[in-house]
C-alpha atoms as a PDB file:
ATOM      1  CA  UNK A   1       0.000   0.000   0.000  1.00  0.00           C
ATOM      2  CA  UNK A   2       2.977   2.320   0.459  1.00  0.00           C
ATOM      3  CA  UNK A   3       3.627   2.379  -3.285  1.00  0.00           C
ATOM      4  CA  UNK A   4      -0.032   3.290  -3.889  1.00  0.00           C
ATOM      5  CA  UNK A   5       0.604   6.437  -1.876  1.00  0.00           C
ATOM      6  CA  UNK A   6       3.191   7.390  -4.486  1.00  0.00           C
ATOM      7  CA  UNK A   7       1.672   6.288  -7.808  1.00  0.00           C
ATOM      8  CA  UNK A   8      -1.225   4.614  -9.581  1.00  0.00           C
ATOM      9  CA  UNK A   9      -1.574   0.858  -9.242  1.00  0.00           C
ATOM     10  CA  UNK A  10      -1.089   0.523 -13.025  1.00  0.00           C
ATOM     11  CA  UNK A  11       2.385   2.032 -12.669  1.00  0.00           C
ATOM     12  CA  UNK A  12       3.530  -0.224  -9.819  1.00  0.00           C
ATOM     13  CA  UNK A  13       5.685  -3.082 -11.081  1.00  0.00           C
ATOM     14  CA  UNK A  14       6.334  -6.404  -9.410  1.00  0.00           C
ATOM     15  CA  UNK A  15      10.067  -5.741  -9.684  1.00  0.00           C
ATOM     16  CA  UNK A  16       9.734  -2.378  -7.938  1.00  0.00           C
ATOM     17  CA  UNK A  17       7.584  -3.893  -5.200  1.00  0.00           C
ATOM     18  CA  UNK A  18       9.984  -6.785  -4.650  1.00  0.00           C
ATOM     19  CA  UNK A  19      13.000  -4.476  -4.597  1.00  0.00           C
ATOM     20  CA  UNK A  20      11.281  -2.301  -1.996  1.00  0.00           C
ATOM     21  CA  UNK A  21      10.340  -5.324   0.142  1.00  0.00           C
ATOM     22  CA  UNK A  22      13.707  -7.031  -0.358  1.00  0.00           C
ATOM     23  CA  UNK A  23      12.139 -10.269  -1.614  1.00  0.00           C
ATOM     24  CA  UNK A  24      12.739 -12.212  -4.825  1.00  0.00           C
ATOM     25  CA  UNK A  25      10.093 -11.982  -7.552  1.00  0.00           C
ATOM     26  CA  UNK A  26       9.602 -15.735  -7.265  1.00  0.00           C
ATOM     27  CA  UNK A  27       8.395 -15.255  -3.692  1.00  0.00           C
ATOM     28  CA  UNK A  28       5.856 -12.704  -4.856  1.00  0.00           C
ATOM     29  CA  UNK A  29       4.564 -15.097  -7.531  1.00  0.00           C
ATOM     30  CA  UNK A  30       4.279 -17.917  -4.971  1.00  0.00           C
ATOM     31  CA  UNK A  31       1.508 -15.908  -3.322  1.00  0.00           C
ATOM     32  CA  UNK A  32       0.058 -13.615  -6.002  1.00  0.00           C
ATOM     33  CA  UNK A  33      -0.737 -13.935  -9.668  1.00  0.00           C
ATOM     34  CA  UNK A  34      -0.127 -10.256 -10.374  1.00  0.00           C
ATOM     35  CA  UNK A  35      -0.119  -6.794  -8.799  1.00  0.00           C
ATOM     36  CA  UNK A  36      -3.934  -6.608  -9.005  1.00  0.00           C
ATOM     37  CA  UNK A  37      -4.259  -9.839  -7.029  1.00  0.00           C
ATOM     38  CA  UNK A  38      -2.083  -8.228  -4.349  1.00  0.00           C
ATOM     39  CA  UNK A  39      -4.388  -5.165  -4.321  1.00  0.00           C
ATOM     40  CA  UNK A  40      -7.434  -7.370  -3.645  1.00  0.00           C
ATOM     41  CA  UNK A  41      -5.516  -9.250  -0.940  1.00  0.00           C
ATOM     42  CA  UNK A  42      -4.514  -5.922   0.645  1.00  0.00           C
ATOM     43  CA  UNK A  43      -8.111  -4.729   0.752  1.00  0.00           C
ATOM     44  CA  UNK A  44      -9.146  -7.968   2.413  1.00  0.00           C
ATOM     45  CA  UNK A  45      -6.307  -7.585   4.904  1.00  0.00           C
ATOM     46  CA  UNK A  46      -7.471  -4.074   5.805  1.00  0.00           C
ATOM     47  CA  UNK A  47     -11.095  -5.237   6.099  1.00  0.00           C
ATOM     48  CA  UNK A  48     -10.006  -7.934   8.560  1.00  0.00           C
ATOM     49  CA  UNK A  49      -7.893  -5.373  10.406  1.00  0.00           C
ATOM     50  CA  UNK A  50     -10.873  -3.030  10.673  1.00  0.00           C
ATOM     51  CA  UNK A  51     -13.110  -5.755  12.061  1.00  0.00           C
ATOM     52  CA  UNK A  52     -10.462  -7.276  14.351  1.00  0.00           C
ATOM     53  CA  UNK A  53     -12.096  -5.675  17.404  1.00  0.00           C
ATOM     54  CA  UNK A  54     -15.128  -7.898  16.813  1.00  0.00           C
ATOM     55  CA  UNK A  55     -13.217 -11.157  17.230  1.00  0.00           C
ATOM     56  CA  UNK A  56     -14.815 -11.924  20.583  1.00  0.00           C
ATOM     57  CA  UNK A  57     -18.105 -10.116  20.430  1.00  0.00           C
ATOM     58  CA  UNK A  58     -21.164 -10.134  18.233  1.00  0.00           C
ATOM     59  CA  UNK A  59     -21.928  -7.176  16.013  1.00  0.00           C
ATOM     60  CA  UNK A  60     -25.542  -6.372  16.812  1.00  0.00           C
ATOM     61  CA  UNK A  61     -25.979  -3.390  14.549  1.00  0.00           C
ATOM     62  CA  UNK A  62     -24.513  -2.087  11.344  1.00  0.00           C
ATOM     63  CA  UNK A  63     -23.671   1.124  13.213  1.00  0.00           C
ATOM     64  CA  UNK A  64     -21.219  -0.821  15.407  1.00  0.00           C
ATOM     65  CA  UNK A  65     -19.186  -1.614  12.298  1.00  0.00           C
ATOM     66  CA  UNK A  66     -19.418   2.029  11.220  1.00  0.00           C
ATOM     67  CA  UNK A  67     -17.823   3.201  14.471  1.00  0.00           C
ATOM     68  CA  UNK A  68     -14.906   0.818  14.040  1.00  0.00           C
ATOM     69  CA  UNK A  69     -14.514   1.786  10.385  1.00  0.00           C
ATOM     70  CA  UNK A  70     -14.523   5.481  11.227  1.00  0.00           C
ATOM     71  CA  UNK A  71     -11.795   4.959  13.841  1.00  0.00           C
ATOM     72  CA  UNK A  72      -9.718   3.058  11.305  1.00  0.00           C
ATOM     73  CA  UNK A  73     -10.194   5.759   8.650  1.00  0.00           C
ATOM     74  CA  UNK A  74      -9.208   8.548  10.983  1.00  0.00           C
ATOM     75  CA  UNK A  75      -6.092   6.720  12.142  1.00  0.00           C
ATOM     76  CA  UNK A  76      -5.020   6.058   8.517  1.00  0.00           C
ATOM     77  CA  UNK A  77      -6.310   9.264   6.968  1.00  0.00           C
ATOM     78  CA  UNK A  78      -3.005  10.498   5.547  1.00  0.00           C
ATOM     79  CA  UNK A  79      -2.254   7.170   3.847  1.00  0.00           C
ATOM     80  CA  UNK A  80      -5.785   6.936   2.443  1.00  0.00           C
ATOM     81  CA  UNK A  81      -5.594  10.523   1.206  1.00  0.00           C
ATOM     82  CA  UNK A  82      -2.401   9.756  -0.739  1.00  0.00           C
ATOM     83  CA  UNK A  83      -3.782   6.511  -2.166  1.00  0.00           C
ATOM     84  CA  UNK A  84      -6.965   8.256  -3.326  1.00  0.00           C
ATOM     85  CA  UNK A  85      -4.918  11.093  -4.838  1.00  0.00           C
ATOM     86  CA  UNK A  86      -2.771   8.750  -6.928  1.00  0.00           C
ATOM     87  CA  UNK A  87      -5.573   6.296  -7.768  1.00  0.00           C
ATOM     88  CA  UNK A  88      -8.546   8.395  -8.891  1.00  0.00           C
ATOM     89  CA  UNK A  89     -11.818   7.303 -10.415  1.00  0.00           C
ATOM     90  CA  UNK A  90     -11.099   5.385 -13.608  1.00  0.00           C
ATOM     91  CA  UNK A  91      -7.888   3.806 -12.298  1.00  0.00           C
ATOM     92  CA  UNK A  92      -7.463   0.045 -11.851  1.00  0.00           C
ATOM     93  CA  UNK A  93      -7.235   0.403  -8.078  1.00  0.00           C
ATOM     94  CA  UNK A  94     -10.465   2.409  -8.010  1.00  0.00           C
ATOM     95  CA  UNK A  95     -12.228  -0.327 -10.023  1.00  0.00           C
ATOM     96  CA  UNK A  96     -10.933  -3.017  -7.663  1.00  0.00           C
ATOM     97  CA  UNK A  97     -12.021  -0.930  -4.663  1.00  0.00           C
ATOM     98  CA  UNK A  98     -15.500  -0.452  -6.206  1.00  0.00           C
ATOM     99  CA  UNK A  99     -15.942  -4.210  -6.787  1.00  0.00           C
ATOM    100  CA  UNK A 100     -14.550  -5.176  -3.386  1.00  0.00           C
ATOM    101  CA  UNK A 101     -16.734  -2.618  -1.592  1.00  0.00           C
ATOM    102  CA  UNK A 102     -19.821  -3.691  -3.527  1.00  0.00           C
ATOM    103  CA  UNK A 103     -19.213  -7.324  -2.565  1.00  0.00           C
ATOM    104  CA  UNK A 104     -18.886  -6.179   1.046  1.00  0.00           C
ATOM    105  CA  UNK A 105     -22.248  -4.428   0.875  1.00  0.00           C
ATOM    106  CA  UNK A 106     -23.864  -7.600  -0.454  1.00  0.00           C
ATOM    107  CA  UNK A 107     -22.609  -9.387   2.681  1.00  0.00           C
ATOM    108  CA  UNK A 108     -23.825  -6.532   4.887  1.00  0.00           C
ATOM    109  CA  UNK A 109     -27.300  -6.541   3.342  1.00  0.00           C
ATOM    110  CA  UNK A 110     -27.514 -10.307   3.732  1.00  0.00           C
ATOM    111  CA  UNK A 111     -26.544 -10.080   7.404  1.00  0.00           C
ATOM    112  CA  UNK A 112     -28.503  -6.946   8.308  1.00  0.00           C
ATOM    113  CA  UNK A 113     -31.798  -7.501   6.503  1.00  0.00           C
ATOM    114  CA  UNK A 114     -33.352  -4.298   7.830  1.00  0.00           C
ATOM    115  CA  UNK A 115     -30.993  -2.276   5.625  1.00  0.00           C
ATOM    116  CA  UNK A 116     -32.149  -4.012   2.461  1.00  0.00           C
ATOM    117  CA  UNK A 117     -34.375  -2.058   0.130  1.00  0.00           C
ATOM    118  CA  UNK A 118     -36.616  -4.757  -1.335  1.00  0.00           C
ATOM    119  CA  UNK A 119     -37.498  -2.519  -4.304  1.00  0.00           C
ATOM    120  CA  UNK A 120     -34.054  -3.164  -5.809  1.00  0.00           C
ATOM    121  CA  UNK A 121     -31.996  -6.291  -6.454  1.00  0.00           C
ATOM    122  CA  UNK A 122     -29.369  -6.713  -3.753  1.00  0.00           C
ATOM    123  CA  UNK A 123     -26.484  -6.234  -6.234  1.00  0.00           C
ATOM    124  CA  UNK A 124     -27.954  -2.941  -7.496  1.00  0.00           C
ATOM    125  CA  UNK A 125     -28.309  -1.626  -3.946  1.00  0.00           C
ATOM    126  CA  UNK A 126     -24.783  -2.843  -3.138  1.00  0.00           C
ATOM    127  CA  UNK A 127     -23.284  -1.147  -6.222  1.00  0.00           C
ATOM    128  CA  UNK A 128     -25.008   2.142  -5.451  1.00  0.00           C
ATOM    129  CA  UNK A 129     -24.033   1.972  -1.780  1.00  0.00           C
ATOM    130  CA  UNK A 130     -20.427   1.182  -2.716  1.00  0.00           C
ATOM    131  CA  UNK A 131     -20.292   4.153  -5.096  1.00  0.00           C
ATOM    132  CA  UNK A 132     -21.686   6.494  -2.466  1.00  0.00           C
ATOM    133  CA  UNK A 133     -19.385   5.007   0.165  1.00  0.00           C
ATOM    134  CA  UNK A 134     -16.317   5.659  -2.004  1.00  0.00           C
ATOM    135  CA  UNK A 135     -17.503   9.228  -2.666  1.00  0.00           C
ATOM    136  CA  UNK A 136     -17.909   9.703   1.089  1.00  0.00           C
ATOM    137  CA  UNK A 137     -14.436   8.242   1.602  1.00  0.00           C
ATOM    138  CA  UNK A 138     -13.031  10.740  -0.897  1.00  0.00           C
ATOM    139  CA  UNK A 139     -14.935  13.526   0.856  1.00  0.00           C
ATOM    140  CA  UNK A 140     -13.706  12.389   4.262  1.00  0.00           C
ATOM    141  CA  UNK A 141     -10.053  12.401   3.359  1.00  0.00           C
ATOM    142  CA  UNK A 142     -10.310  15.970   2.085  1.00  0.00           C
ATOM    143  CA  UNK A 143     -11.815  17.244   5.340  1.00  0.00           C
ATOM    144  CA  UNK A 144      -9.980  18.348   8.425  1.00  0.00           C
ATOM    145  CA  UNK A 145      -9.741  15.847  11.272  1.00  0.00           C
ATOM    146  CA  UNK A 146     -12.681  17.483  13.009  1.00  0.00           C
ATOM    147  CA  UNK A 147     -15.123  16.710  10.181  1.00  0.00           C
ATOM    148  CA  UNK A 148     -18.756  16.543  11.221  1.00  0.00           C
ATOM    149  CA  UNK A 149     -19.736  12.976  12.040  1.00  0.00           C
ATOM    150  CA  UNK A 150     -23.425  13.842  11.795  1.00  0.00           C
ATOM    151  CA  UNK A 151     -22.970  14.794   8.142  1.00  0.00           C
ATOM    152  CA  UNK A 152     -21.092  11.579   7.396  1.00  0.00           C
ATOM    153  CA  UNK A 153     -23.785   9.516   9.091  1.00  0.00           C
ATOM    154  CA  UNK A 154     -26.567  11.343   7.249  1.00  0.00           C
ATOM    155  CA  UNK A 155     -24.937  10.810   3.848  1.00  0.00           C
ATOM    156  CA  UNK A 156     -24.259   7.164   4.506  1.00  0.00           C
ATOM    157  CA  UNK A 157     -27.737   6.415   5.873  1.00  0.00           C
ATOM    158  CA  UNK A 158     -29.229   8.060   2.783  1.00  0.00           C
ATOM    159  CA  UNK A 159     -27.130   5.812   0.573  1.00  0.00           C
ATOM    160  CA  UNK A 160     -28.110   2.682   2.470  1.00  0.00           C
ATOM    161  CA  UNK A 161     -31.812   3.461   2.284  1.00  0.00           C
ATOM    162  CA  UNK A 162     -31.354   4.579  -1.352  1.00  0.00           C
ATOM    163  CA  UNK A 163     -33.069   7.872  -0.666  1.00  0.00           C
ATOM    164  CA  UNK A 164     -30.515   9.829  -2.619  1.00  0.00           C
END
């Protein structure tokens, strides 16, 4: 993820990554098919990191996950800001993030049925929610650290209910 703070995913090479990490390219290819596979793995790693606090307790409400996510975002704001700057809409990383986030919303809507809007197929609602979520993420990283949580919550709840 450090290289994504410096350049677009499309411009990151396996050689450059391996040189930076001091590992042979063969080691990289033992674990990943390509740089895009690593990007998906990294997103999954961060998702697990975000939810680590729930290892020994049950998440009763979607809002509980939101609190943990917000804490994670604020503690990694500078890194996220740089990644978003170098990987704008239309980039490969952005497309991977959109797909990964949409898949995550499908899981959320399956687990938290009350957030499902039955007027739309689950994938449509997940794609819209993911798009809004990424826009909110972009908005968040441009704000000062004392951004208004109420505004973030309002925007996100509107996206979930699809009352845009």
